[in-house]
Amino acid sequence: MADGTDPQAVIDAHLAAIPARDLAGYAATLHPDVVVVVTSGRVMTGAAEVTAFHEAWFAEPGWTYEAVTTHRTTAAGVATRVVEVTYVDGPGATPSRFAMGLVFVPVGGRWLLVHDQCTPAVRSSPE
């Protein structure tokens, strides 16, 4: 796990914890007041609720998760990332794709996730 002072290392650790099903590693990157909005529109608030959701999800067998960062910005008080995610619920399942926006802020010398917004991918038609 990253030591928390390098935003990119923390973000890399956060994203790697998901397919690894590393609950402790994932939870270590969460701000106590984190807000997560999943593709269904469900809103989760607080590290305890988000961690409980991920604990249940990580226990489910067979799914795969691939994340590719497409945009990154880091400034004095914020690090944002836009990530394209491909999720497959299990063998033979149709892949779903979504965009995930992440916002990390420095707190006490550590970078923590304060907001995670997932949006289903919609292919735009040519104009």
N, C-alpha and C. Protein backbone atom coordinates (compact mmCIF):
# COMPACT_ATOMS: atom_id res chain seq x y z
N MET A 1 0.85 -1.19 0.00
CA MET A 1 0.00 0.00 0.00
C MET A 1 0.88 1.23 0.00
N ALA A 2 0.47 2.23 -0.75
CA ALA A 2 1.20 3.49 -0.81
C ALA A 2 1.20 4.15 0.56
N ASP A 3 2.23 4.98 0.83
CA ASP A 3 2.31 5.63 2.13
C ASP A 3 1.30 6.76 2.29
N GLY A 4 0.65 7.17 1.23
CA GLY A 4 -0.42 8.15 1.33
C GLY A 4 -0.04 9.56 0.94
N THR A 5 1.27 9.83 0.79
CA THR A 5 1.69 11.20 0.50
C THR A 5 1.76 11.50 -0.99
N ASP A 6 1.85 10.49 -1.83
CA ASP A 6 1.93 10.66 -3.29
C ASP A 6 0.55 10.36 -3.88
N PRO A 7 -0.13 11.38 -4.43
CA PRO A 7 -1.49 11.14 -4.91
C PRO A 7 -1.57 10.04 -5.97
N GLN A 8 -0.63 10.00 -6.90
CA GLN A 8 -0.71 8.97 -7.94
C GLN A 8 -0.54 7.58 -7.37
N ALA A 9 0.37 7.42 -6.41
CA ALA A 9 0.56 6.11 -5.78
C ALA A 9 -0.70 5.67 -5.04
N VAL A 10 -1.37 6.60 -4.36
CA VAL A 10 -2.60 6.27 -3.65
C VAL A 10 -3.70 5.89 -4.64
N ILE A 11 -3.82 6.64 -5.72
CA ILE A 11 -4.85 6.34 -6.72
C ILE A 11 -4.57 4.99 -7.37
N ASP A 12 -3.31 4.72 -7.69
CA ASP A 12 -2.95 3.41 -8.25
C ASP A 12 -3.31 2.28 -7.27
N ALA A 13 -3.00 2.48 -5.99
CA ALA A 13 -3.32 1.47 -4.98
C ALA A 13 -4.83 1.28 -4.85
N HIS A 14 -5.57 2.38 -4.89
CA HIS A 14 -7.03 2.33 -4.81
C HIS A 14 -7.59 1.50 -5.97
N LEU A 15 -7.15 1.82 -7.18
CA LEU A 15 -7.66 1.11 -8.35
C LEU A 15 -7.21 -0.35 -8.37
N ALA A 16 -6.01 -0.65 -7.91
CA ALA A 16 -5.52 -2.03 -7.89
C ALA A 16 -6.25 -2.87 -6.83
N ALA A 17 -6.70 -2.24 -5.76
CA ALA A 17 -7.38 -2.98 -4.69
C ALA A 17 -8.70 -3.58 -5.15
N ILE A 18 -9.33 -2.98 -6.14
CA ILE A 18 -10.66 -3.46 -6.55
C ILE A 18 -10.57 -4.84 -7.22
N PRO A 19 -9.84 -5.01 -8.33
CA PRO A 19 -9.80 -6.35 -8.91
C PRO A 19 -9.09 -7.37 -8.02
N ALA A 20 -8.23 -6.89 -7.12
CA ALA A 20 -7.55 -7.79 -6.18
C ALA A 20 -8.45 -8.18 -5.02
N ARG A 21 -9.60 -7.53 -4.92
CA ARG A 21 -10.54 -7.77 -3.81
C ARG A 21 -9.86 -7.54 -2.46
N ASP A 22 -9.04 -6.51 -2.40
CA ASP A 22 -8.26 -6.16 -1.22
C ASP A 22 -9.04 -5.11 -0.42
N LEU A 23 -9.90 -5.59 0.47
CA LEU A 23 -10.77 -4.68 1.22
C LEU A 23 -9.99 -3.72 2.10
N ALA A 24 -8.98 -4.21 2.81
CA ALA A 24 -8.20 -3.34 3.69
C ALA A 24 -7.47 -2.28 2.89
N GLY A 25 -6.89 -2.67 1.76
CA GLY A 25 -6.20 -1.71 0.91
C GLY A 25 -7.14 -0.67 0.34
N TYR A 26 -8.32 -1.11 -0.07
CA TYR A 26 -9.33 -0.19 -0.60
C TYR A 26 -9.79 0.77 0.50
N ALA A 27 -10.15 0.24 1.64
CA ALA A 27 -10.68 1.07 2.74
C ALA A 27 -9.65 2.10 3.20
N ALA A 28 -8.37 1.77 3.11
CA ALA A 28 -7.32 2.70 3.55
C ALA A 28 -7.26 3.96 2.70
N THR A 29 -7.89 3.94 1.52
CA THR A 29 -7.85 5.11 0.63
C THR A 29 -9.09 5.99 0.77
N LEU A 30 -10.01 5.63 1.67
CA LEU A 30 -11.28 6.35 1.77
C LEU A 30 -11.25 7.47 2.80
N HIS A 31 -11.79 8.61 2.41
CA HIS A 31 -12.04 9.72 3.34
C HIS A 31 -13.21 9.30 4.23
N PRO A 32 -13.23 9.68 5.50
CA PRO A 32 -14.36 9.29 6.37
C PRO A 32 -15.72 9.72 5.81
N ASP A 33 -15.78 10.83 5.07
CA ASP A 33 -17.04 11.34 4.54
C ASP A 33 -17.18 11.08 3.04
N VAL A 34 -16.54 10.05 2.53
CA VAL A 34 -16.60 9.73 1.11
C VAL A 34 -18.04 9.57 0.63
N VAL A 35 -18.28 9.97 -0.61
CA VAL A 35 -19.56 9.76 -1.29
C VAL A 35 -19.28 8.95 -2.55
N VAL A 36 -20.01 7.85 -2.72
CA VAL A 36 -19.88 7.02 -3.91
C VAL A 36 -21.25 6.90 -4.56
N VAL A 37 -21.30 7.18 -5.85
CA VAL A 37 -22.52 7.03 -6.64
C VAL A 37 -22.25 5.96 -7.68
N VAL A 38 -22.97 4.84 -7.60
CA VAL A 38 -22.76 3.75 -8.54
C VAL A 38 -23.67 3.93 -9.77
N THR A 39 -23.47 3.09 -10.78
CA THR A 39 -24.16 3.28 -12.05
C THR A 39 -25.68 3.21 -11.94
N SER A 40 -26.19 2.53 -10.93
CA SER A 40 -27.65 2.44 -10.75
C SER A 40 -28.24 3.73 -10.20
N GLY A 41 -27.36 4.62 -9.73
CA GLY A 41 -27.81 5.85 -9.08
C GLY A 41 -27.82 5.78 -7.57
N ARG A 42 -27.54 4.61 -7.03
CA ARG A 42 -27.46 4.47 -5.57
C ARG A 42 -26.34 5.37 -5.05
N VAL A 43 -26.63 6.09 -3.97
CA VAL A 43 -25.64 6.96 -3.34
C VAL A 43 -25.27 6.38 -1.99
N MET A 44 -23.98 6.20 -1.78
CA MET A 44 -23.49 5.73 -0.49
C MET A 44 -22.67 6.85 0.14
N THR A 45 -22.84 7.04 1.43
CA THR A 45 -22.12 8.10 2.12
C THR A 45 -21.39 7.55 3.33
N GLY A 46 -20.16 7.97 3.47
CA GLY A 46 -19.34 7.56 4.60
C GLY A 46 -18.54 6.31 4.34
N ALA A 47 -17.36 6.27 4.92
CA ALA A 47 -16.46 5.14 4.71
C ALA A 47 -17.05 3.82 5.18
N ALA A 48 -17.83 3.82 6.25
CA ALA A 48 -18.40 2.56 6.76
C ALA A 48 -19.36 1.95 5.75
N GLU A 49 -20.26 2.75 5.19
CA GLU A 49 -21.22 2.22 4.21
C GLU A 49 -20.52 1.77 2.94
N VAL A 50 -19.56 2.55 2.47
CA VAL A 50 -18.84 2.21 1.24
C VAL A 50 -18.03 0.93 1.44
N THR A 51 -17.38 0.82 2.58
CA THR A 51 -16.59 -0.38 2.86
C THR A 51 -17.49 -1.61 2.96
N ALA A 52 -18.63 -1.49 3.60
CA ALA A 52 -19.57 -2.63 3.72
C ALA A 52 -20.05 -3.08 2.34
N PHE A 53 -20.35 -2.13 1.46
CA PHE A 53 -20.77 -2.46 0.09
C PHE A 53 -19.65 -3.24 -0.61
N HIS A 54 -18.43 -2.75 -0.50
CA HIS A 54 -17.32 -3.41 -1.18
C HIS A 54 -16.99 -4.77 -0.55
N GLU A 55 -17.17 -4.90 0.74
CA GLU A 55 -16.95 -6.20 1.37
C GLU A 55 -17.87 -7.26 0.77
N ALA A 56 -19.16 -6.92 0.61
CA ALA A 56 -20.12 -7.85 0.02
C ALA A 56 -19.77 -8.12 -1.44
N TRP A 57 -19.44 -7.08 -2.18
CA TRP A 57 -19.11 -7.24 -3.61
C TRP A 57 -17.84 -8.07 -3.79
N PHE A 58 -16.81 -7.78 -3.00
CA PHE A 58 -15.56 -8.51 -3.14
C PHE A 58 -15.74 -10.00 -2.83
N ALA A 59 -16.72 -10.35 -2.04
CA ALA A 59 -16.98 -11.75 -1.69
C ALA A 59 -17.66 -12.52 -2.82
N GLU A 60 -18.24 -11.80 -3.78
CA GLU A 60 -18.90 -12.46 -4.91
C GLU A 60 -17.84 -13.03 -5.85
N PRO A 61 -18.00 -14.30 -6.24
CA PRO A 61 -16.99 -14.91 -7.12
C PRO A 61 -17.23 -14.59 -8.60
N GLY A 62 -16.16 -14.71 -9.37
CA GLY A 62 -16.29 -14.74 -10.82
C GLY A 62 -16.21 -13.44 -11.58
N TRP A 63 -16.38 -12.30 -10.93
CA TRP A 63 -16.40 -11.05 -11.67
C TRP A 63 -14.98 -10.58 -11.98
N THR A 64 -14.89 -9.77 -13.03
CA THR A 64 -13.62 -9.15 -13.39
C THR A 64 -13.84 -7.65 -13.56
N TYR A 65 -12.75 -6.91 -13.39
CA TYR A 65 -12.82 -5.45 -13.37
C TYR A 65 -11.52 -4.92 -13.96
N GLU A 66 -11.63 -4.14 -15.01
CA GLU A 66 -10.45 -3.54 -15.63
C GLU A 66 -10.65 -2.04 -15.70
N ALA A 67 -9.67 -1.28 -15.23
CA ALA A 67 -9.76 0.18 -15.20
C ALA A 67 -8.60 0.79 -15.97
N VAL A 68 -8.93 1.76 -16.82
CA VAL A 68 -7.92 2.48 -17.59
C VAL A 68 -8.15 3.97 -17.36
N THR A 69 -7.14 4.65 -16.82
CA THR A 69 -7.27 6.09 -16.58
C THR A 69 -7.15 6.83 -17.90
N THR A 70 -8.12 7.71 -18.16
CA THR A 70 -8.14 8.47 -19.41
C THR A 70 -7.82 9.94 -19.23
N HIS A 71 -8.07 10.48 -18.05
CA HIS A 71 -7.77 11.88 -17.75
C HIS A 71 -7.27 11.99 -16.32
N ARG A 72 -6.30 12.88 -16.11
CA ARG A 72 -5.77 13.08 -14.77
C ARG A 72 -5.40 14.54 -14.57
N THR A 73 -5.74 15.03 -13.40
CA THR A 73 -5.38 16.38 -13.00
C THR A 73 -4.99 16.35 -11.53
N THR A 74 -3.87 16.96 -11.20
CA THR A 74 -3.47 17.08 -9.81
C THR A 74 -3.06 18.52 -9.56
N ALA A 75 -3.64 19.10 -8.53
CA ALA A 75 -3.33 20.47 -8.12
C ALA A 75 -2.99 20.45 -6.64
N ALA A 76 -2.76 21.60 -6.06
CA ALA A 76 -2.34 21.68 -4.67
C ALA A 76 -3.28 20.97 -3.71
N GLY A 77 -4.58 21.07 -3.92
CA GLY A 77 -5.52 20.52 -2.95
C GLY A 77 -6.48 19.48 -3.51
N VAL A 78 -6.22 18.98 -4.72
CA VAL A 78 -7.15 18.01 -5.29
C VAL A 78 -6.46 17.20 -6.40
N ALA A 79 -6.83 15.94 -6.47
CA ALA A 79 -6.38 15.08 -7.57
C ALA A 79 -7.63 14.42 -8.14
N THR A 80 -7.85 14.61 -9.44
CA THR A 80 -9.02 14.00 -10.08
C THR A 80 -8.56 13.03 -11.15
N ARG A 81 -9.36 12.02 -11.35
CA ARG A 81 -9.11 11.05 -12.41
C ARG A 81 -10.44 10.68 -13.05
N VAL A 82 -10.40 10.46 -14.35
CA VAL A 82 -11.52 9.85 -15.07
C VAL A 82 -11.00 8.51 -15.55
N VAL A 83 -11.75 7.48 -15.24
CA VAL A 83 -11.32 6.11 -15.49
C VAL A 83 -12.40 5.41 -16.30
N GLU A 84 -11.99 4.71 -17.35
CA GLU A 84 -12.92 3.86 -18.10
C GLU A 84 -12.85 2.47 -17.50
N VAL A 85 -13.99 1.95 -17.09
CA VAL A 85 -14.04 0.65 -16.43
C VAL A 85 -14.82 -0.34 -17.28
N THR A 86 -14.28 -1.54 -17.40
CA THR A 86 -15.00 -2.66 -18.00
C THR A 86 -15.21 -3.68 -16.90
N TYR A 87 -16.47 -4.00 -16.65
CA TYR A 87 -16.84 -4.93 -15.58
C TYR A 87 -17.59 -6.10 -16.20
N VAL A 88 -17.19 -7.31 -15.83
CA VAL A 88 -17.88 -8.52 -16.28
C VAL A 88 -18.33 -9.25 -15.02
N ASP A 89 -19.63 -9.48 -14.91
CA ASP A 89 -20.21 -10.03 -13.69
C ASP A 89 -19.85 -11.49 -13.45
N GLY A 90 -19.39 -12.18 -14.47
CA GLY A 90 -18.99 -13.58 -14.31
C GLY A 90 -18.72 -14.19 -15.66
N PRO A 91 -18.24 -15.42 -15.69
CA PRO A 91 -17.94 -16.08 -16.96
C PRO A 91 -19.16 -16.09 -17.89
N GLY A 92 -18.95 -15.66 -19.12
CA GLY A 92 -20.02 -15.64 -20.10
C GLY A 92 -20.94 -14.44 -20.04
N ALA A 93 -20.79 -13.60 -19.02
CA ALA A 93 -21.64 -12.41 -18.88
C ALA A 93 -21.21 -11.34 -19.88
N THR A 94 -22.15 -10.52 -20.27
CA THR A 94 -21.87 -9.41 -21.17
C THR A 94 -21.12 -8.33 -20.41
N PRO A 95 -20.00 -7.85 -20.94
CA PRO A 95 -19.27 -6.78 -20.25
C PRO A 95 -20.11 -5.51 -20.17
N SER A 96 -20.00 -4.82 -19.06
CA SER A 96 -20.60 -3.49 -18.96
C SER A 96 -19.47 -2.50 -18.82
N ARG A 97 -19.69 -1.31 -19.38
CA ARG A 97 -18.66 -0.28 -19.34
C ARG A 97 -19.22 0.97 -18.71
N PHE A 98 -18.38 1.62 -17.93
CA PHE A 98 -18.81 2.88 -17.33
C PHE A 98 -17.61 3.79 -17.13
N ALA A 99 -17.91 5.07 -17.02
CA ALA A 99 -16.89 6.06 -16.68
C ALA A 99 -16.97 6.30 -15.19
N MET A 100 -15.81 6.41 -14.57
CA MET A 100 -15.75 6.64 -13.14
C MET A 100 -14.91 7.89 -12.89
N GLY A 101 -15.50 8.86 -12.22
CA GLY A 101 -14.78 10.07 -11.84
C GLY A 101 -14.38 9.97 -10.39
N LEU A 102 -13.11 10.17 -10.11
CA LEU A 102 -12.58 10.07 -8.76
C LEU A 102 -12.01 11.41 -8.32
N VAL A 103 -12.27 11.77 -7.07
CA VAL A 103 -11.72 13.00 -6.50
C VAL A 103 -11.03 12.64 -5.18
N PHE A 104 -9.73 12.92 -5.12
CA PHE A 104 -8.94 12.69 -3.92
C PHE A 104 -8.49 14.04 -3.36
N VAL A 105 -8.46 14.12 -2.03
CA VAL A 105 -7.99 15.35 -1.37
C VAL A 105 -6.96 14.98 -0.31
N PRO A 106 -6.02 15.91 -0.02
CA PRO A 106 -5.06 15.63 1.04
C PRO A 106 -5.65 15.93 2.41
N VAL A 107 -5.49 14.98 3.31
CA VAL A 107 -6.00 15.12 4.68
C VAL A 107 -4.90 14.63 5.62
N GLY A 108 -4.36 15.54 6.41
CA GLY A 108 -3.33 15.15 7.37
C GLY A 108 -2.13 14.48 6.73
N GLY A 109 -1.74 14.94 5.54
CA GLY A 109 -0.58 14.38 4.86
C GLY A 109 -0.86 13.15 4.03
N ARG A 110 -2.12 12.71 3.97
CA ARG A 110 -2.51 11.53 3.17
C ARG A 110 -3.55 11.95 2.15
N TRP A 111 -3.49 11.35 0.97
CA TRP A 111 -4.51 11.59 -0.06
C TRP A 111 -5.61 10.54 0.10
N LEU A 112 -6.86 11.01 0.16
CA LEU A 112 -8.00 10.11 0.38
C LEU A 112 -9.11 10.40 -0.63
N LEU A 113 -9.82 9.35 -1.00
CA LEU A 113 -10.95 9.48 -1.92
C LEU A 113 -12.12 10.13 -1.19
N VAL A 114 -12.61 11.24 -1.74
CA VAL A 114 -13.75 11.93 -1.15
C VAL A 114 -15.00 11.79 -2.03
N HIS A 115 -14.81 11.51 -3.34
CA HIS A 115 -15.97 11.37 -4.23
C HIS A 115 -15.65 10.40 -5.35
N ASP A 116 -16.61 9.51 -5.64
CA ASP A 116 -16.50 8.52 -6.72
C ASP A 116 -17.85 8.51 -7.42
N GLN A 117 -17.86 8.90 -8.68
CA GLN A 117 -19.11 8.98 -9.46
C GLN A 117 -19.00 8.06 -10.66
N CYS A 118 -19.88 7.07 -10.74
CA CYS A 118 -19.90 6.14 -11.86
C CYS A 118 -21.06 6.46 -12.79
N THR A 119 -20.76 6.50 -14.08
CA THR A 119 -21.76 6.84 -15.09
C THR A 119 -21.72 5.79 -16.19
N PRO A 120 -22.86 5.15 -16.48
CA PRO A 120 -22.85 4.15 -17.56
C PRO A 120 -22.34 4.75 -18.87
N ALA A 121 -21.55 4.00 -19.58
CA ALA A 121 -21.03 4.46 -20.86
C ALA A 121 -22.16 4.44 -21.90
N VAL A 122 -22.27 5.52 -22.60
CA VAL A 122 -23.26 5.62 -23.67
C VAL A 122 -22.50 6.01 -24.93
N ARG A 123 -22.63 5.20 -25.94
CA ARG A 123 -21.97 5.53 -27.20
C ARG A 123 -22.73 6.65 -27.87
N SER A 124 -22.01 7.67 -28.26
CA SER A 124 -22.66 8.78 -28.95
C SER A 124 -22.74 8.42 -30.43
N SER A 125 -23.84 8.80 -31.03
CA SER A 125 -23.99 8.53 -32.45
C SER A 125 -23.37 9.68 -33.24
N PRO A 126 -22.87 9.37 -34.45
CA PRO A 126 -22.25 10.43 -35.25
C PRO A 126 -23.27 11.52 -35.57
N GLU A 127 -22.77 12.74 -35.58
CA GLU A 127 -23.67 13.87 -35.87
C GLU A 127 -23.69 14.17 -37.34
